[in-house]
């Protein structure tokens, strides 16, 4: 019975509504903040590596045009030492003609980024790839593949591909997502406590009014509520006391009438 009354009480409804609204608002704020941070940190890395890629296309153009394989390999090695990652030069048929890792020479690359440049005629394309590394290829390493057209004399003479690990950023975001989750949980707990305290402050005067009304209904017409402040509940308390005064006056008049009537009858 008490449980049923609790579920139908104003306090319970107020707490539930407030917690739902607070949880939604807090969740939206947290997700928005995390999304903004994620976009910022990823875009900063992407723009930096695109700038390095564009610089690389300029440097390899002359070696591709002159078919200078030795200089091309030395240039790719320099890119690897300076910028990190893997650097690959392809011809217009997507066949590898130079690889900084020296393991894909003569292999045709057929990923989405290459197709964007080769078929869709984009000057630059990049995408995210999950690469399996480590023992038995069980370790996930997220990388970004960049492909840019290499131009000379107004025509495409090849393509430059850069593979760069972005796993460090993924690890940061995963760690941050757990931090955001804990902050959300702690904040929500604080909201629950604050809600319970605030509802007690709001509901306690109503409980006092209810107890006073019960005593009055039991016959104690001298009961009054202690009114403080100037809130709506205080106004209600003043009205309640005025009503009690009126009831007490009526009861007094009734008692006097009965007493007089009894006296006259005697």
Protein backbone atom coordinates (compact mmCIF):
# COMPACT_ATOMS: atom_id res chain seq x y z
CA UNK A 1 0.00 0.00 0.00
CA UNK A 2 2.83 2.40 0.89
CA UNK A 3 4.63 1.52 -2.34
CA UNK A 4 1.51 2.27 -4.37
CA UNK A 5 1.11 5.62 -2.59
CA UNK A 6 4.77 6.41 -3.25
CA UNK A 7 4.40 5.82 -7.01
CA UNK A 8 1.37 8.14 -7.10
CA UNK A 9 2.87 10.86 -4.90
CA UNK A 10 3.78 14.31 -6.19
CA UNK A 11 7.30 13.86 -4.88
CA UNK A 12 7.87 10.65 -6.86
CA UNK A 13 6.52 12.18 -10.07
CA UNK A 14 8.59 15.32 -9.61
CA UNK A 15 11.78 13.31 -9.01
CA UNK A 16 11.23 11.05 -12.03
CA UNK A 17 10.41 13.90 -14.42
CA UNK A 18 13.34 15.98 -13.18
CA UNK A 19 15.80 13.08 -13.44
CA UNK A 20 14.65 12.16 -16.94
CA UNK A 21 15.01 15.75 -18.16
CA UNK A 22 18.34 16.21 -16.39
CA UNK A 23 19.68 12.92 -17.77
CA UNK A 24 18.70 13.85 -21.32
CA UNK A 25 20.18 17.34 -21.08
CA UNK A 26 23.37 16.10 -19.41
CA UNK A 27 23.73 13.31 -21.98
CA UNK A 28 23.28 15.71 -24.90
CA UNK A 29 25.88 18.10 -23.44
CA UNK A 30 28.39 15.29 -22.88
CA UNK A 31 27.88 13.78 -26.35
CA UNK A 32 28.11 17.20 -28.00
CA UNK A 33 31.34 18.00 -26.17
CA UNK A 34 32.85 14.61 -27.02
CA UNK A 35 31.80 14.88 -30.67
CA UNK A 36 33.29 18.38 -30.97
CA UNK A 37 36.57 17.22 -29.40
CA UNK A 38 36.66 14.15 -31.64
CA UNK A 39 36.08 16.20 -34.79
CA UNK A 40 38.70 18.72 -33.74
CA UNK A 41 41.48 16.26 -32.92
CA UNK A 42 40.82 14.08 -36.00
CA UNK A 43 40.51 17.01 -38.41
CA UNK A 44 43.72 18.54 -37.08
CA UNK A 45 45.59 15.31 -37.83
CA UNK A 46 43.93 14.88 -41.24
CA UNK A 47 44.69 18.44 -42.37
CA UNK A 48 48.30 18.18 -41.21
CA UNK A 49 48.87 14.91 -43.06
CA UNK A 50 47.13 16.17 -46.21
CA UNK A 51 49.50 19.15 -46.22
CA UNK A 52 52.44 16.77 -45.95
CA UNK A 53 50.97 14.60 -48.72
CA UNK A 54 50.57 17.59 -51.06
CA UNK A 55 54.17 18.52 -50.41
CA UNK A 56 55.14 14.96 -51.23
CA UNK A 57 53.35 14.93 -54.60
CA UNK A 58 55.41 17.94 -55.67
CA UNK A 59 58.67 16.27 -54.69
CA UNK A 60 58.01 12.94 -56.43
CA UNK A 61 56.61 14.43 -59.66
CA UNK A 62 60.00 14.97 -61.34
CA UNK A 63 61.25 11.49 -60.37
CA UNK A 64 58.10 9.84 -61.77
CA UNK A 65 58.33 11.84 -65.00
CA UNK A 66 62.00 10.96 -65.49
CA UNK A 67 61.53 7.35 -64.29
CA UNK A 68 64.31 7.88 -61.74
CA UNK A 69 63.65 4.92 -59.45
CA UNK A 70 66.66 5.49 -57.18
CA UNK A 71 65.71 9.08 -56.41
CA UNK A 72 62.08 8.04 -55.99
CA UNK A 73 62.97 5.42 -53.37
CA UNK A 74 65.26 7.81 -51.55
CA UNK A 75 62.48 10.42 -51.51
CA UNK A 76 59.97 7.93 -50.08
CA UNK A 77 62.49 6.90 -47.41
CA UNK A 78 62.90 10.55 -46.50
CA UNK A 79 59.11 10.90 -46.23
CA UNK A 80 58.98 7.89 -43.91
CA UNK A 81 61.74 9.26 -41.69
CA UNK A 82 60.32 12.79 -41.63
CA UNK A 83 56.56 12.16 -41.47
CA UNK A 84 56.25 8.48 -40.56
CA UNK A 85 53.87 5.97 -42.11
CA UNK A 86 54.12 4.16 -45.43
CA UNK A 87 54.52 5.90 -48.79
CA UNK A 88 53.70 4.31 -52.14
CA UNK A 89 53.94 5.67 -55.70
CA UNK A 90 51.67 4.21 -58.39
CA UNK A 91 51.35 4.78 -62.10
CA UNK A 92 48.08 5.67 -63.83
CA UNK A 93 47.10 2.00 -63.83
CA UNK A 94 47.35 1.82 -60.02
CA UNK A 95 50.45 -0.42 -60.27
CA UNK A 96 53.02 0.20 -57.52
CA UNK A 97 56.30 1.48 -58.90
CA UNK A 98 57.89 2.41 -55.57
CA UNK A 99 57.15 1.40 -51.98
CA UNK A 100 58.90 2.79 -48.90
CA UNK A 101 58.50 -0.71 -47.36
CA UNK A 102 59.76 -2.38 -50.59
CA UNK A 103 57.16 -5.17 -50.47
CA UNK A 104 54.42 -4.18 -52.93
CA UNK A 105 56.36 -3.34 -56.06
CA UNK A 106 54.42 -4.39 -59.16
CA UNK A 107 51.19 -4.95 -57.17
CA UNK A 108 47.96 -3.30 -58.28
CA UNK A 109 46.15 -1.43 -55.50
CA UNK A 110 42.39 -1.39 -55.81
CA UNK A 111 41.01 0.36 -52.73
CA UNK A 112 38.29 3.02 -52.61
CA UNK A 113 40.68 5.95 -52.38
CA UNK A 114 42.61 4.85 -55.48
CA UNK A 115 39.34 4.45 -57.41
CA UNK A 116 38.26 7.95 -56.39
CA UNK A 117 41.41 9.43 -57.91
CA UNK A 118 41.74 7.06 -60.85
CA UNK A 119 38.10 6.66 -61.94
CA UNK A 120 36.20 9.52 -60.30
CA UNK A 121 38.99 11.98 -61.19
CA UNK A 122 39.35 13.37 -57.69
CA UNK A 123 42.60 15.14 -56.91
CA UNK A 124 42.61 13.75 -53.36
CA UNK A 125 40.80 11.04 -51.43
CA UNK A 126 41.22 9.55 -47.97
CA UNK A 127 39.47 6.97 -45.82
CA UNK A 128 39.73 5.04 -42.56
CA UNK A 129 40.85 1.41 -42.58
CA UNK A 130 41.07 -1.22 -39.87
CA UNK A 131 44.40 -3.00 -40.25
CA UNK A 132 45.08 -6.24 -38.39
CA UNK A 133 48.63 -6.39 -37.00
CA UNK A 134 50.61 -8.18 -34.33
CA UNK A 135 50.93 -11.89 -33.71
CA UNK A 136 48.42 -13.88 -35.81
CA UNK A 137 46.94 -10.56 -36.99
CA UNK A 138 44.79 -10.23 -33.87
CA UNK A 139 45.67 -6.64 -32.99
CA UNK A 140 43.54 -3.87 -34.52
CA UNK A 141 45.32 -0.77 -35.78
CA UNK A 142 43.25 1.98 -37.38
CA UNK A 143 44.95 3.78 -40.24
CA UNK A 144 44.11 6.50 -42.73
CA UNK A 145 44.85 5.94 -46.43
CA UNK A 146 45.47 9.10 -48.43
CA UNK A 147 45.73 9.03 -52.21
CA UNK A 148 46.63 12.10 -54.24
CA UNK A 149 47.08 12.56 -57.97
CA UNK A 150 50.60 13.49 -59.06
CA UNK A 151 50.53 16.05 -61.88
CA UNK A 152 53.14 17.41 -64.25
CA UNK A 153 52.62 19.66 -67.27
CA UNK A 154 48.87 19.72 -66.70
CA UNK A 155 48.33 15.96 -66.71
CA UNK A 156 48.22 13.11 -64.20
CA UNK A 157 51.41 11.08 -64.27
CA UNK A 158 50.72 8.86 -61.27
CA UNK A 159 49.44 8.69 -57.73
CA UNK A 160 50.97 9.00 -54.28
CA UNK A 161 49.50 6.91 -51.46
CA UNK A 162 50.22 7.49 -47.82
CA UNK A 163 49.21 5.07 -45.08
CA UNK A 164 49.31 6.65 -41.64
CA UNK A 165 48.30 5.12 -38.31
CA UNK A 166 45.61 6.95 -36.39
CA UNK A 167 45.46 4.40 -33.59
CA UNK A 168 46.94 6.86 -31.08
CA UNK A 169 43.94 9.15 -31.59
CA UNK A 170 41.55 6.18 -31.39
CA UNK A 171 43.14 5.20 -28.06
CA UNK A 172 42.81 8.77 -26.75
CA UNK A 173 39.14 8.91 -27.77
CA UNK A 174 38.42 5.50 -26.23
CA UNK A 175 40.04 6.60 -22.98
CA UNK A 176 38.18 9.89 -23.08
CA UNK A 177 34.85 8.16 -23.75
CA UNK A 178 35.29 6.19 -20.51
CA UNK A 179 36.14 9.41 -18.67
CA UNK A 180 33.04 11.09 -20.10
CA UNK A 181 30.94 8.09 -19.05
CA UNK A 182 32.21 8.27 -15.45
CA UNK A 183 31.70 12.03 -15.36
CA UNK A 184 28.13 11.48 -16.58
CA UNK A 185 27.48 8.84 -13.89
CA UNK A 186 28.94 10.95 -11.07
CA UNK A 187 27.07 14.02 -12.29
CA UNK A 188 23.83 12.05 -12.50
CA UNK A 189 24.31 10.75 -8.95
CA UNK A 190 24.88 14.33 -7.78
CA UNK A 191 21.68 15.36 -9.57
CA UNK A 192 19.77 12.51 -7.86
CA UNK A 193 20.98 13.65 -4.43
CA UNK A 194 20.22 17.31 -5.20
CA UNK A 195 16.77 16.37 -6.50
CA UNK A 196 15.90 14.39 -3.36
CA UNK A 197 17.08 17.26 -1.14
CA UNK A 198 15.21 19.89 -3.16
CA UNK A 199 12.01 17.84 -3.24
CA UNK A 200 12.21 17.45 0.54
CA UNK A 201 12.43 21.22 0.87
CA UNK A 202 9.40 21.63 -1.38
CA UNK A 203 7.30 18.73 -0.07
CA UNK A 204 7.93 19.12 3.70
CA UNK A 205 5.67 22.22 4.05
CA UNK A 206 2.92 20.33 2.24
CA UNK A 207 3.39 17.41 4.65
CA UNK A 208 3.06 19.82 7.59
CA UNK A 209 -0.13 21.19 6.09
CA UNK A 210 -1.45 17.65 5.72
CA UNK A 211 -0.61 16.75 9.35
CA UNK A 212 -2.27 19.94 10.61
CA UNK A 213 -5.35 19.25 8.50
CA UNK A 214 -5.57 15.72 9.95
CA UNK A 215 -5.43 17.09 13.52
CA UNK A 216 -8.13 19.63 12.69
CA UNK A 217 -10.33 16.93 11.16
CA UNK A 218 -9.85 14.98 14.41
CA UNK A 219 -11.36 17.91 16.33
CA UNK A 220 -8.40 20.04 17.36
CA UNK A 221 -9.45 23.35 15.79
CA UNK A 222 -6.65 25.27 17.50
CA UNK A 223 -4.01 23.85 15.14
CA UNK A 224 -2.27 26.27 12.75
CA UNK A 225 0.63 25.98 10.32
CA UNK A 226 3.80 28.01 10.84
CA UNK A 227 4.09 30.28 7.78
CA UNK A 228 7.51 31.61 6.71
CA UNK A 229 8.66 33.30 3.52
CA UNK A 230 6.55 34.56 0.67
CA UNK A 231 6.31 31.63 -1.72
CA UNK A 232 3.15 30.13 -3.18
CA UNK A 233 3.19 27.51 -0.41
CA UNK A 234 3.40 30.30 2.19
CA UNK A 235 0.39 31.98 0.59
CA UNK A 236 -1.42 28.67 0.70
CA UNK A 237 -0.47 28.33 4.39
CA UNK A 238 -1.89 31.79 5.13
CA UNK A 239 -5.11 30.89 3.33
CA UNK A 240 -5.23 27.60 5.23
CA UNK A 241 -4.86 29.42 8.57
CA UNK A 242 -7.58 31.91 7.58
CA UNK A 243 -9.85 28.99 6.74
CA UNK A 244 -9.09 27.42 10.13
CA UNK A 245 -9.88 30.72 11.87
CA UNK A 246 -13.21 30.86 10.05
CA UNK A 247 -13.99 27.26 10.96
CA UNK A 248 -13.09 27.92 14.58
CA UNK A 249 -15.30 31.02 14.66
CA UNK A 250 -18.19 29.06 13.18
CA UNK A 251 -17.63 26.29 15.70
CA UNK A 252 -17.53 28.85 18.51
CA UNK A 253 -20.75 30.42 17.29
CA UNK A 254 -22.30 26.95 17.02
CA UNK A 255 -21.25 26.14 20.57
CA UNK A 256 -22.67 29.41 21.88
CA UNK A 257 -25.91 28.84 20.00
CA UNK A 258 -26.27 25.33 21.38
CA UNK A 259 -25.47 26.58 24.88
CA UNK A 260 -28.04 29.40 24.63
CA UNK A 261 -30.65 27.12 23.14
CA UNK A 262 -30.11 24.59 25.92
CA UNK A 263 -30.40 27.32 28.53
CA UNK A 264 -33.64 28.62 27.04
CA UNK A 265 -35.10 25.11 26.82
CA UNK A 266 -34.31 24.51 30.46
